[in-house]
Each structure stands twice: as structure tokens, then as C-alpha cells.
PDB file of all heavy atoms in Angstrom:
ATOM      1  N   SER A   1       7.969 -37.352  13.881  1.00  0.00           N
ATOM      2  CA  SER A   1       9.115 -38.216  13.605  1.00  0.00           C
ATOM      3  C   SER A   1       8.740 -39.556  12.985  1.00  0.00           C
ATOM      4  O   SER A   1       9.603 -40.256  12.466  1.00  0.00           O
ATOM      5  CB  SER A   1       9.904 -38.451  14.898  1.00  0.00           C
ATOM      6  OG  SER A   1       9.084 -39.082  15.863  1.00  0.00           O
ATOM      7  N   ASP A   2       7.471 -39.929  13.007  1.00  0.00           N
ATOM      8  CA  ASP A   2       7.060 -41.200  12.406  1.00  0.00           C
ATOM      9  C   ASP A   2       6.630 -41.060  10.952  1.00  0.00           C
ATOM     10  O   ASP A   2       6.109 -41.986  10.354  1.00  0.00           O
ATOM     11  CB  ASP A   2       5.940 -41.847  13.224  1.00  0.00           C
ATOM     12  CG  ASP A   2       4.661 -41.025  13.227  1.00  0.00           C
ATOM     13  OD1 ASP A   2       4.654 -39.911  12.673  1.00  0.00           O
ATOM     14  OD2 ASP A   2       3.669 -41.515  13.795  1.00  0.00           O
ATOM     15  N   GLY A   3       6.834 -39.881  10.358  1.00  0.00           N
ATOM     16  CA  GLY A   3       6.502 -39.674   8.954  1.00  0.00           C
ATOM     17  C   GLY A   3       5.145 -39.045   8.709  1.00  0.00           C
ATOM     18  O   GLY A   3       4.771 -38.804   7.569  1.00  0.00           O
ATOM     19  N   THR A   4       4.402 -38.763   9.753  1.00  0.00           N
ATOM     20  CA  THR A   4       3.104 -38.117   9.600  1.00  0.00           C
ATOM     21  C   THR A   4       3.313 -36.640   9.306  1.00  0.00           C
ATOM     22  O   THR A   4       4.151 -35.988   9.923  1.00  0.00           O
ATOM     23  CB  THR A   4       2.265 -38.269  10.886  1.00  0.00           C
ATOM     24  OG1 THR A   4       2.060 -39.652  11.140  1.00  0.00           O
ATOM     25  CG2 THR A   4       0.923 -37.574  10.759  1.00  0.00           C
ATOM     26  N   LYS A   5       2.537 -36.131   8.337  1.00  0.00           N
ATOM     27  CA  LYS A   5       2.629 -34.708   8.001  1.00  0.00           C
ATOM     28  C   LYS A   5       1.237 -34.191   7.654  1.00  0.00           C
ATOM     29  O   LYS A   5       0.502 -34.836   6.912  1.00  0.00           O
ATOM     30  CB  LYS A   5       3.576 -34.477   6.826  1.00  0.00           C
ATOM     31  CG  LYS A   5       3.767 -33.009   6.520  1.00  0.00           C
ATOM     32  CD  LYS A   5       4.808 -32.781   5.449  1.00  0.00           C
ATOM     33  CE  LYS A   5       4.955 -31.288   5.211  1.00  0.00           C
ATOM     34  NZ  LYS A   5       5.906 -30.988   4.145  1.00  0.00           N
ATOM     35  N   ILE A   6       0.907 -33.035   8.189  1.00  0.00           N
ATOM     36  CA  ILE A   6      -0.358 -32.362   7.907  1.00  0.00           C
ATOM     37  C   ILE A   6      -0.025 -30.936   7.493  1.00  0.00           C
ATOM     38  O   ILE A   6       0.718 -30.242   8.183  1.00  0.00           O
ATOM     39  CB  ILE A   6      -1.267 -32.348   9.150  1.00  0.00           C
ATOM     40  CG1 ILE A   6      -1.536 -33.771   9.634  1.00  0.00           C
ATOM     41  CG2 ILE A   6      -2.571 -31.613   8.852  1.00  0.00           C
ATOM     42  CD1 ILE A   6      -2.184 -33.842  10.999  1.00  0.00           C
ATOM     43  N   ASP A   7      -0.565 -30.521   6.362  1.00  0.00           N
ATOM     44  CA  ASP A   7      -0.269 -29.200   5.828  1.00  0.00           C
ATOM     45  C   ASP A   7      -1.571 -28.632   5.256  1.00  0.00           C
ATOM     46  O   ASP A   7      -2.233 -29.309   4.473  1.00  0.00           O
ATOM     47  CB  ASP A   7       0.777 -29.327   4.730  1.00  0.00           C
ATOM     48  CG  ASP A   7       1.303 -28.003   4.234  1.00  0.00           C
ATOM     49  OD1 ASP A   7       0.818 -26.951   4.663  1.00  0.00           O
ATOM     50  OD2 ASP A   7       2.215 -28.030   3.381  1.00  0.00           O
ATOM     51  N   GLN A   8      -1.953 -27.421   5.662  1.00  0.00           N
ATOM     52  CA  GLN A   8      -3.174 -26.837   5.116  1.00  0.00           C
ATOM     53  C   GLN A   8      -3.074 -25.319   5.058  1.00  0.00           C
ATOM     54  O   GLN A   8      -2.379 -24.706   5.859  1.00  0.00           O
ATOM     55  CB  GLN A   8      -4.398 -27.254   5.908  1.00  0.00           C
ATOM     56  CG  GLN A   8      -4.467 -26.713   7.314  1.00  0.00           C
ATOM     57  CD  GLN A   8      -5.773 -27.104   7.994  1.00  0.00           C
ATOM     58  OE1 GLN A   8      -6.630 -27.753   7.413  1.00  0.00           O
ATOM     59  NE2 GLN A   8      -5.925 -26.705   9.232  1.00  0.00           N
ATOM     60  N   GLN A   9      -3.769 -24.760   4.073  1.00  0.00           N
ATOM     61  CA  GLN A   9      -3.870 -23.324   3.907  1.00  0.00           C
ATOM     62  C   GLN A   9      -5.336 -23.006   3.663  1.00  0.00           C
ATOM     63  O   GLN A   9      -5.988 -23.672   2.855  1.00  0.00           O
ATOM     64  CB  GLN A   9      -3.063 -22.812   2.702  1.00  0.00           C
ATOM     65  CG  GLN A   9      -1.597 -23.162   2.721  1.00  0.00           C
ATOM     66  CD  GLN A   9      -1.312 -24.576   2.250  1.00  0.00           C
ATOM     67  OE1 GLN A   9      -1.935 -25.058   1.328  1.00  0.00           O
ATOM     68  NE2 GLN A   9      -0.381 -25.240   2.904  1.00  0.00           N
ATOM     69  N   GLY A  10      -5.830 -21.992   4.333  1.00  0.00           N
ATOM     70  CA  GLY A  10      -7.224 -21.611   4.162  1.00  0.00           C
ATOM     71  C   GLY A  10      -7.362 -20.129   3.918  1.00  0.00           C
ATOM     72  O   GLY A  10      -6.506 -19.333   4.298  1.00  0.00           O
ATOM     73  N   VAL A  11      -8.448 -19.789   3.255  1.00  0.00           N
ATOM     74  CA  VAL A  11      -8.736 -18.391   2.957  1.00  0.00           C
ATOM     75  C   VAL A  11     -10.252 -18.197   2.947  1.00  0.00           C
ATOM     76  O   VAL A  11     -10.993 -19.109   2.608  1.00  0.00           O
ATOM     77  CB  VAL A  11      -8.111 -17.976   1.600  1.00  0.00           C
ATOM     78  CG1 VAL A  11      -8.720 -18.727   0.438  1.00  0.00           C
ATOM     79  CG2 VAL A  11      -8.200 -16.490   1.383  1.00  0.00           C
ATOM     80  N   LEU A  12     -10.684 -17.019   3.371  1.00  0.00           N
ATOM     81  CA  LEU A  12     -12.090 -16.666   3.254  1.00  0.00           C
ATOM     82  C   LEU A  12     -12.289 -16.003   1.904  1.00  0.00           C
ATOM     83  O   LEU A  12     -11.504 -15.144   1.505  1.00  0.00           O
ATOM     84  CB  LEU A  12     -12.506 -15.692   4.360  1.00  0.00           C
ATOM     85  CG  LEU A  12     -12.573 -16.254   5.766  1.00  0.00           C
ATOM     86  CD1 LEU A  12     -12.950 -15.141   6.744  1.00  0.00           C
ATOM     87  CD2 LEU A  12     -13.571 -17.383   5.855  1.00  0.00           C
ATOM     88  N   LYS A  13     -13.342 -16.410   1.195  1.00  0.00           N
ATOM     89  CA  LYS A  13     -13.624 -15.768  -0.085  1.00  0.00           C
ATOM     90  C   LYS A  13     -14.991 -15.097  -0.012  1.00  0.00           C
ATOM     91  O   LYS A  13     -15.835 -15.480   0.802  1.00  0.00           O
ATOM     92  CB  LYS A  13     -13.548 -16.765  -1.241  1.00  0.00           C
ATOM     93  CG  LYS A  13     -14.649 -17.774  -1.306  1.00  0.00           C
ATOM     94  CD  LYS A  13     -14.490 -18.623  -2.546  1.00  0.00           C
ATOM     95  CE  LYS A  13     -15.812 -19.299  -2.881  1.00  0.00           C
ATOM     96  NZ  LYS A  13     -15.751 -20.037  -4.106  1.00  0.00           N
ATOM     97  N   ASP A  14     -15.181 -14.113  -0.845  1.00  0.00           N
ATOM     98  CA  ASP A  14     -16.412 -13.327  -0.890  1.00  0.00           C
ATOM     99  C   ASP A  14     -16.747 -12.750   0.491  1.00  0.00           C
ATOM    100  O   ASP A  14     -17.903 -12.769   0.930  1.00  0.00           O
ATOM    101  CB  ASP A  14     -17.582 -14.159  -1.417  1.00  0.00           C
ATOM    102  CG  ASP A  14     -17.347 -14.673  -2.823  1.00  0.00           C
ATOM    103  OD1 ASP A  14     -16.694 -13.950  -3.600  1.00  0.00           O
ATOM    104  OD2 ASP A  14     -17.815 -15.774  -3.153  1.00  0.00           O
ATOM    105  N   VAL A  15     -15.725 -12.231   1.166  1.00  0.00           N
ATOM    106  CA  VAL A  15     -15.892 -11.684   2.516  1.00  0.00           C
ATOM    107  C   VAL A  15     -16.887 -10.525   2.492  1.00  0.00           C
ATOM    108  O   VAL A  15     -16.845  -9.672   1.615  1.00  0.00           O
ATOM    109  CB  VAL A  15     -14.535 -11.208   3.077  1.00  0.00           C
ATOM    110  CG1 VAL A  15     -14.704 -10.567   4.442  1.00  0.00           C
ATOM    111  CG2 VAL A  15     -13.564 -12.367   3.138  1.00  0.00           C
ATOM    112  N   GLY A  16     -17.798 -10.558   3.453  1.00  0.00           N
ATOM    113  CA  GLY A  16     -18.773  -9.490   3.583  1.00  0.00           C
ATOM    114  C   GLY A  16     -20.019  -9.652   2.738  1.00  0.00           C
ATOM    115  O   GLY A  16     -20.901  -8.812   2.772  1.00  0.00           O
ATOM    116  N   THR A  17     -20.106 -10.749   1.978  1.00  0.00           N
ATOM    117  CA  THR A  17     -21.303 -11.003   1.175  1.00  0.00           C
ATOM    118  C   THR A  17     -22.054 -12.189   1.759  1.00  0.00           C
ATOM    119  O   THR A  17     -21.553 -12.880   2.644  1.00  0.00           O
ATOM    120  CB  THR A  17     -20.939 -11.321  -0.289  1.00  0.00           C
ATOM    121  OG1 THR A  17     -20.339 -12.622  -0.355  1.00  0.00           O
ATOM    122  CG2 THR A  17     -19.981 -10.287  -0.862  1.00  0.00           C
ATOM    123  N   GLU A  18     -23.226 -12.448   1.239  1.00  0.00           N
ATOM    124  CA  GLU A  18     -23.969 -13.608   1.728  1.00  0.00           C
ATOM    125  C   GLU A  18     -23.381 -14.919   1.207  1.00  0.00           C
ATOM    126  O   GLU A  18     -23.760 -15.986   1.638  1.00  0.00           O
ATOM    127  CB  GLU A  18     -25.453 -13.509   1.373  1.00  0.00           C
ATOM    128  CG  GLU A  18     -25.770 -13.654  -0.106  1.00  0.00           C
ATOM    129  CD  GLU A  18     -27.263 -13.591  -0.376  1.00  0.00           C
ATOM    130  OE1 GLU A  18     -27.902 -12.611   0.047  1.00  0.00           O
ATOM    131  OE2 GLU A  18     -27.770 -14.529  -0.997  1.00  0.00           O
ATOM    132  N   HIS A  19     -22.416 -14.826   0.293  1.00  0.00           N
ATOM    133  CA  HIS A  19     -21.761 -16.015  -0.258  1.00  0.00           C
ATOM    134  C   HIS A  19     -20.372 -16.244   0.353  1.00  0.00           C
ATOM    135  O   HIS A  19     -19.560 -16.977  -0.200  1.00  0.00           O
ATOM    136  CB  HIS A  19     -21.639 -15.896  -1.778  1.00  0.00           C
ATOM    137  CG  HIS A  19     -22.958 -15.747  -2.456  1.00  0.00           C
ATOM    138  ND1 HIS A  19     -23.878 -16.755  -2.529  1.00  0.00           N
ATOM    139  CD2 HIS A  19     -23.527 -14.672  -3.061  1.00  0.00           C
ATOM    140  CE1 HIS A  19     -24.951 -16.335  -3.166  1.00  0.00           C
ATOM    141  NE2 HIS A  19     -24.769 -15.072  -3.490  1.00  0.00           N
ATOM    142  N   GLU A  20     -20.115 -15.609   1.491  1.00  0.00           N
ATOM    143  CA  GLU A  20     -18.823 -15.776   2.157  1.00  0.00           C
ATOM    144  C   GLU A  20     -18.608 -17.245   2.471  1.00  0.00           C
ATOM    145  O   GLU A  20     -19.508 -17.941   2.931  1.00  0.00           O
ATOM    146  CB  GLU A  20     -18.813 -14.964   3.442  1.00  0.00           C
ATOM    147  CG  GLU A  20     -17.493 -14.980   4.163  1.00  0.00           C
ATOM    148  CD  GLU A  20     -17.487 -14.032   5.348  1.00  0.00           C
ATOM    149  OE1 GLU A  20     -17.766 -12.831   5.171  1.00  0.00           O
ATOM    150  OE2 GLU A  20     -17.202 -14.523   6.456  1.00  0.00           O
ATOM    151  N   ALA A  21     -17.407 -17.725   2.182  1.00  0.00           N
ATOM    152  CA  ALA A  21     -17.107 -19.135   2.423  1.00  0.00           C
ATOM    153  C   ALA A  21     -15.618 -19.305   2.700  1.00  0.00           C
ATOM    154  O   ALA A  21     -14.800 -18.504   2.266  1.00  0.00           O
ATOM    155  CB  ALA A  21     -17.493 -19.982   1.210  1.00  0.00           C
ATOM    156  N   ALA A  22     -15.306 -20.349   3.426  1.00  0.00           N
ATOM    157  CA  ALA A  22     -13.911 -20.709   3.668  1.00  0.00           C
ATOM    158  C   ALA A  22     -13.498 -21.751   2.642  1.00  0.00           C
ATOM    159  O   ALA A  22     -14.266 -22.656   2.311  1.00  0.00           O
ATOM    160  CB  ALA A  22     -13.745 -21.260   5.070  1.00  0.00           C
ATOM    161  N   VAL A  23     -12.284 -21.617   2.136  1.00  0.00           N
ATOM    162  CA  VAL A  23     -11.724 -22.584   1.198  1.00  0.00           C
ATOM    163  C   VAL A  23     -10.395 -23.054   1.778  1.00  0.00           C
ATOM    164  O   VAL A  23      -9.528 -22.237   2.078  1.00  0.00           O
ATOM    165  CB  VAL A  23     -11.494 -21.963  -0.195  1.00  0.00           C
ATOM    166  CG1 VAL A  23     -10.880 -22.981  -1.141  1.00  0.00           C
ATOM    167  CG2 VAL A  23     -12.793 -21.408  -0.755  1.00  0.00           C
ATOM    168  N   VAL A  24     -10.264 -24.357   1.950  1.00  0.00           N
ATOM    169  CA  VAL A  24      -9.041 -24.919   2.516  1.00  0.00           C
ATOM    170  C   VAL A  24      -8.434 -25.897   1.512  1.00  0.00           C
ATOM    171  O   VAL A  24      -9.118 -26.766   0.980  1.00  0.00           O
ATOM    172  CB  VAL A  24      -9.320 -25.661   3.842  1.00  0.00           C
ATOM    173  CG1 VAL A  24      -8.040 -26.236   4.409  1.00  0.00           C
ATOM    174  CG2 VAL A  24      -9.987 -24.729   4.832  1.00  0.00           C
ATOM    175  N   HIS A  25      -7.156 -25.725   1.243  1.00  0.00           N
ATOM    176  CA  HIS A  25      -6.380 -26.661   0.434  1.00  0.00           C
ATOM    177  C   HIS A  25      -5.364 -27.283   1.371  1.00  0.00           C
ATOM    178  O   HIS A  25      -4.724 -26.573   2.150  1.00  0.00           O
ATOM    179  CB  HIS A  25      -5.641 -25.934  -0.702  1.00  0.00           C
ATOM    180  CG  HIS A  25      -6.544 -25.340  -1.723  1.00  0.00           C
ATOM    181  ND1 HIS A  25      -6.888 -26.008  -2.872  1.00  0.00           N
ATOM    182  CD2 HIS A  25      -7.204 -24.158  -1.759  1.00  0.00           C
ATOM    183  CE1 HIS A  25      -7.706 -25.264  -3.583  1.00  0.00           C
ATOM    184  NE2 HIS A  25      -7.920 -24.127  -2.924  1.00  0.00           N
ATOM    185  N   GLY A  26      -5.219 -28.585   1.311  1.00  0.00           N
ATOM    186  CA  GLY A  26      -4.272 -29.201   2.214  1.00  0.00           C
ATOM    187  C   GLY A  26      -3.926 -30.617   1.835  1.00  0.00           C
ATOM    188  O   GLY A  26      -4.380 -31.154   0.817  1.00  0.00           O
ATOM    189  N   SER A  27      -3.126 -31.210   2.681  1.00  0.00           N
ATOM    190  CA  SER A  27      -2.744 -32.612   2.505  1.00  0.00           C
ATOM    191  C   SER A  27      -2.365 -33.184   3.863  1.00  0.00           C
ATOM    192  O   SER A  27      -2.016 -32.450   4.783  1.00  0.00           O
ATOM    193  CB  SER A  27      -1.567 -32.737   1.540  1.00  0.00           C
ATOM    194  OG  SER A  27      -0.408 -32.143   2.091  1.00  0.00           O
ATOM    195  N   TYR A  28      -2.489 -34.487   3.951  1.00  0.00           N
ATOM    196  CA  TYR A  28      -1.967 -35.194   5.112  1.00  0.00           C
ATOM    197  C   TYR A  28      -1.412 -36.516   4.637  1.00  0.00           C
ATOM    198  O   TYR A  28      -1.874 -37.107   3.665  1.00  0.00           O
ATOM    199  CB  TYR A  28      -3.000 -35.359   6.227  1.00  0.00           C
ATOM    200  CG  TYR A  28      -4.312 -35.985   5.835  1.00  0.00           C
ATOM    201  CD1 TYR A  28      -4.530 -37.351   5.985  1.00  0.00           C
ATOM    202  CD2 TYR A  28      -5.353 -35.217   5.345  1.00  0.00           C
ATOM    203  CE1 TYR A  28      -5.737 -37.928   5.648  1.00  0.00           C
ATOM    204  CE2 TYR A  28      -6.565 -35.769   5.008  1.00  0.00           C
ATOM    205  CZ  TYR A  28      -6.760 -37.133   5.161  1.00  0.00           C
ATOM    206  OH  TYR A  28      -7.959 -37.693   4.822  1.00  0.00           O
ATOM    207  N   SER A  29      -0.356 -36.953   5.283  1.00  0.00           N
ATOM    208  CA  SER A  29       0.284 -38.208   4.903  1.00  0.00           C
ATOM    209  C   SER A  29       0.762 -38.933   6.146  1.00  0.00           C
ATOM    210  O   SER A  29       0.957 -38.325   7.197  1.00  0.00           O
ATOM    211  CB  SER A  29       1.450 -37.952   3.939  1.00  0.00           C
ATOM    212  OG  SER A  29       2.403 -37.105   4.524  1.00  0.00           O
ATOM    213  N   TRP A  30       0.901 -40.232   6.009  1.00  0.00           N
ATOM    214  CA  TRP A  30       1.372 -41.070   7.096  1.00  0.00           C
ATOM    215  C   TRP A  30       2.063 -42.287   6.500  1.00  0.00           C
ATOM    216  O   TRP A  30       1.913 -42.595   5.327  1.00  0.00           O
ATOM    217  CB  TRP A  30       0.222 -41.497   8.009  1.00  0.00           C
ATOM    218  CG  TRP A  30      -0.756 -42.434   7.363  1.00  0.00           C
ATOM    219  CD1 TRP A  30      -0.754 -43.792   7.449  1.00  0.00           C
ATOM    220  CD2 TRP A  30      -1.847 -42.102   6.505  1.00  0.00           C
ATOM    221  NE1 TRP A  30      -1.782 -44.326   6.703  1.00  0.00           N
ATOM    222  CE2 TRP A  30      -2.471 -43.294   6.125  1.00  0.00           C
ATOM    223  CE3 TRP A  30      -2.355 -40.897   6.017  1.00  0.00           C
ATOM    224  CZ2 TRP A  30      -3.569 -43.323   5.277  1.00  0.00           C
ATOM    225  CZ3 TRP A  30      -3.455 -40.931   5.184  1.00  0.00           C
ATOM    226  CH2 TRP A  30      -4.049 -42.123   4.829  1.00  0.00           C
ATOM    227  N   VAL A  31       2.829 -42.969   7.321  1.00  0.00           N
ATOM    228  CA  VAL A  31       3.544 -44.179   6.903  1.00  0.00           C
ATOM    229  C   VAL A  31       2.933 -45.355   7.644  1.00  0.00           C
ATOM    230  O   VAL A  31       2.806 -45.329   8.875  1.00  0.00           O
ATOM    231  CB  VAL A  31       5.050 -44.064   7.219  1.00  0.00           C
ATOM    232  CG1 VAL A  31       5.773 -45.343   6.861  1.00  0.00           C
ATOM    233  CG2 VAL A  31       5.654 -42.863   6.491  1.00  0.00           C
ATOM    234  N   ASP A  32       2.537 -46.383   6.885  1.00  0.00           N
ATOM    235  CA  ASP A  32       1.982 -47.591   7.493  1.00  0.00           C
ATOM    236  C   ASP A  32       3.071 -48.277   8.309  1.00  0.00           C
ATOM    237  O   ASP A  32       4.158 -48.559   7.805  1.00  0.00           O
ATOM    238  CB  ASP A  32       1.456 -48.532   6.412  1.00  0.00           C
ATOM    239  CG  ASP A  32       0.775 -49.751   6.977  1.00  0.00           C
ATOM    240  OD1 ASP A  32       1.493 -50.636   7.499  1.00  0.00           O
ATOM    241  OD2 ASP A  32      -0.465 -49.837   6.909  1.00  0.00           O
ATOM    242  N   GLU A  33       2.787 -48.533   9.574  1.00  0.00           N
ATOM    243  CA  GLU A  33       3.793 -49.127  10.466  1.00  0.00           C
ATOM    244  C   GLU A  33       4.214 -50.525  10.038  1.00  0.00           C
ATOM    245  O   GLU A  33       5.358 -50.921  10.233  1.00  0.00           O
ATOM    246  CB  GLU A  33       3.258 -49.180  11.890  1.00  0.00           C
ATOM    247  CG  GLU A  33       3.090 -47.823  12.519  1.00  0.00           C
ATOM    248  CD  GLU A  33       2.493 -47.915  13.914  1.00  0.00           C
ATOM    249  OE1 GLU A  33       2.095 -49.012  14.345  1.00  0.00           O
ATOM    250  OE2 GLU A  33       2.440 -46.871  14.574  1.00  0.00           O
ATOM    251  N   LYS A  34       3.303 -51.296   9.469  1.00  0.00           N
ATOM    252  CA  LYS A  34       3.609 -52.680   9.108  1.00  0.00           C
ATOM    253  C   LYS A  34       4.334 -52.796   7.778  1.00  0.00           C
ATOM    254  O   LYS A  34       5.255 -53.588   7.646  1.00  0.00           O
ATOM    255  CB  LYS A  34       2.325 -53.506   9.087  1.00  0.00           C
ATOM    256  CG  LYS A  34       1.703 -53.644  10.458  1.00  0.00           C
ATOM    257  CD  LYS A  34       0.434 -54.442  10.415  1.00  0.00           C
ATOM    258  CE  LYS A  34      -0.172 -54.488  11.820  1.00  0.00           C
ATOM    259  NZ  LYS A  34      -1.484 -55.092  11.828  1.00  0.00           N
ATOM    260  N   THR A  35       3.893 -52.018   6.777  1.00  0.00           N
ATOM    261  CA  THR A  35       4.471 -52.157   5.437  1.00  0.00           C
ATOM    262  C   THR A  35       5.509 -51.095   5.108  1.00  0.00           C
ATOM    263  O   THR A  35       6.282 -51.269   4.166  1.00  0.00           O
ATOM    264  CB  THR A  35       3.365 -52.084   4.371  1.00  0.00           C
ATOM    265  OG1 THR A  35       2.795 -50.762   4.385  1.00  0.00           O
ATOM    266  CG2 THR A  35       2.285 -53.126   4.606  1.00  0.00           C
ATOM    267  N   GLY A  36       5.495 -49.980   5.842  1.00  0.00           N
ATOM    268  CA  GLY A  36       6.402 -48.885   5.540  1.00  0.00           C
ATOM    269  C   GLY A  36       5.939 -48.042   4.360  1.00  0.00           C
ATOM    270  O   GLY A  36       6.627 -47.116   3.944  1.00  0.00           O
ATOM    271  N   GLU A  37       4.763 -48.357   3.816  1.00  0.00           N
ATOM    272  CA  GLU A  37       4.240 -47.620   2.671  1.00  0.00           C
ATOM    273  C   GLU A  37       3.714 -46.255   3.117  1.00  0.00           C
ATOM    274  O   GLU A  37       3.055 -46.134   4.143  1.00  0.00           O
ATOM    275  CB  GLU A  37       3.109 -48.405   2.017  1.00  0.00           C
ATOM    276  CG  GLU A  37       2.549 -47.772   0.773  1.00  0.00           C
ATOM    277  CD  GLU A  37       1.460 -48.623   0.123  1.00  0.00           C
ATOM    278  OE1 GLU A  37       1.111 -49.700   0.637  1.00  0.00           O
ATOM    279  OE2 GLU A  37       0.953 -48.168  -0.919  1.00  0.00           O
ATOM    280  N   LYS A  38       4.016 -45.221   2.317  1.00  0.00           N
ATOM    281  CA  LYS A  38       3.554 -43.870   2.631  1.00  0.00           C
ATOM    282  C   LYS A  38       2.253 -43.596   1.882  1.00  0.00           C
ATOM    283  O   LYS A  38       2.141 -43.876   0.691  1.00  0.00           O
ATOM    284  CB  LYS A  38       4.602 -42.840   2.218  1.00  0.00           C
ATOM    285  CG  LYS A  38       4.213 -41.428   2.564  1.00  0.00           C
ATOM    286  CD  LYS A  38       5.319 -40.443   2.217  1.00  0.00           C
ATOM    287  CE  LYS A  38       4.911 -39.041   2.608  1.00  0.00           C
ATOM    288  NZ  LYS A  38       5.983 -38.086   2.374  1.00  0.00           N
ATOM    289  N   PHE A  39       1.278 -43.070   2.576  1.00  0.00           N
ATOM    290  CA  PHE A  39      -0.010 -42.703   2.008  1.00  0.00           C
ATOM    291  C   PHE A  39      -0.173 -41.197   2.112  1.00  0.00           C
ATOM    292  O   PHE A  39       0.168 -40.601   3.140  1.00  0.00           O
ATOM    293  CB  PHE A  39      -1.157 -43.383   2.767  1.00  0.00           C
ATOM    294  CG  PHE A  39      -1.159 -44.868   2.640  1.00  0.00           C
ATOM    295  CD1 PHE A  39      -0.529 -45.654   3.589  1.00  0.00           C
ATOM    296  CD2 PHE A  39      -1.782 -45.487   1.565  1.00  0.00           C
ATOM    297  CE1 PHE A  39      -0.526 -47.038   3.474  1.00  0.00           C
ATOM    298  CE2 PHE A  39      -1.789 -46.863   1.442  1.00  0.00           C
ATOM    299  CZ  PHE A  39      -1.156 -47.641   2.399  1.00  0.00           C
ATOM    300  N   THR A  40      -0.688 -40.593   1.058  1.00  0.00           N
ATOM    301  CA  THR A  40      -0.908 -39.148   1.050  1.00  0.00           C
ATOM    302  C   THR A  40      -2.296 -38.848   0.513  1.00  0.00           C
ATOM    303  O   THR A  40      -2.718 -39.421  -0.484  1.00  0.00           O
ATOM    304  CB  THR A  40       0.140 -38.428   0.179  1.00  0.00           C
ATOM    305  OG1 THR A  40       1.438 -38.699   0.715  1.00  0.00           O
ATOM    306  CG2 THR A  40      -0.082 -36.933   0.157  1.00  0.00           C
ATOM    307  N   VAL A  41      -2.979 -37.959   1.190  1.00  0.00           N
ATOM    308  CA  VAL A  41      -4.279 -37.468   0.748  1.00  0.00           C
ATOM    309  C   VAL A  41      -4.152 -35.964   0.563  1.00  0.00           C
ATOM    310  O   VAL A  41      -3.688 -35.263   1.461  1.00  0.00           O
ATOM    311  CB  VAL A  41      -5.386 -37.769   1.790  1.00  0.00           C
ATOM    312  CG1 VAL A  41      -6.700 -37.132   1.373  1.00  0.00           C
ATOM    313  CG2 VAL A  41      -5.545 -39.263   1.988  1.00  0.00           C
ATOM    314  N   THR A  42      -4.517 -35.472  -0.615  1.00  0.00           N
ATOM    315  CA  THR A  42      -4.625 -34.041  -0.838  1.00  0.00           C
ATOM    316  C   THR A  42      -6.116 -33.715  -0.899  1.00  0.00           C
ATOM    317  O   THR A  42      -6.923 -34.567  -1.282  1.00  0.00           O
ATOM    318  CB  THR A  42      -3.932 -33.606  -2.142  1.00  0.00           C
ATOM    319  OG1 THR A  42      -4.508 -34.307  -3.232  1.00  0.00           O
ATOM    320  CG2 THR A  42      -2.447 -33.865  -2.086  1.00  0.00           C
TER     321      THR A  42
END
């Protein structure tokens, strides 16, 4: 309710190989309590 949001999606790639890795795309944002400015990081 304070404007904070976290959103992420992940997937395993190259499953079953020695190069198997997780890849996550996401973002998080929040609102500065003093200024009301919204910050977002992708």
C-alpha cells in the first residue's frame, strides 16, 4: 500500500547441460517517503 512493488520472472536455460543457468528479469520500485518521488530499478 505504500507504493512498493517487486516483480520478477525467472527461467532455467540450457537445462541438463554444464552451461545450465538461471536468468531472472525483474523490477522493483518504491516511493520516497519525504519527496513522494517514485524510483524504479529494472
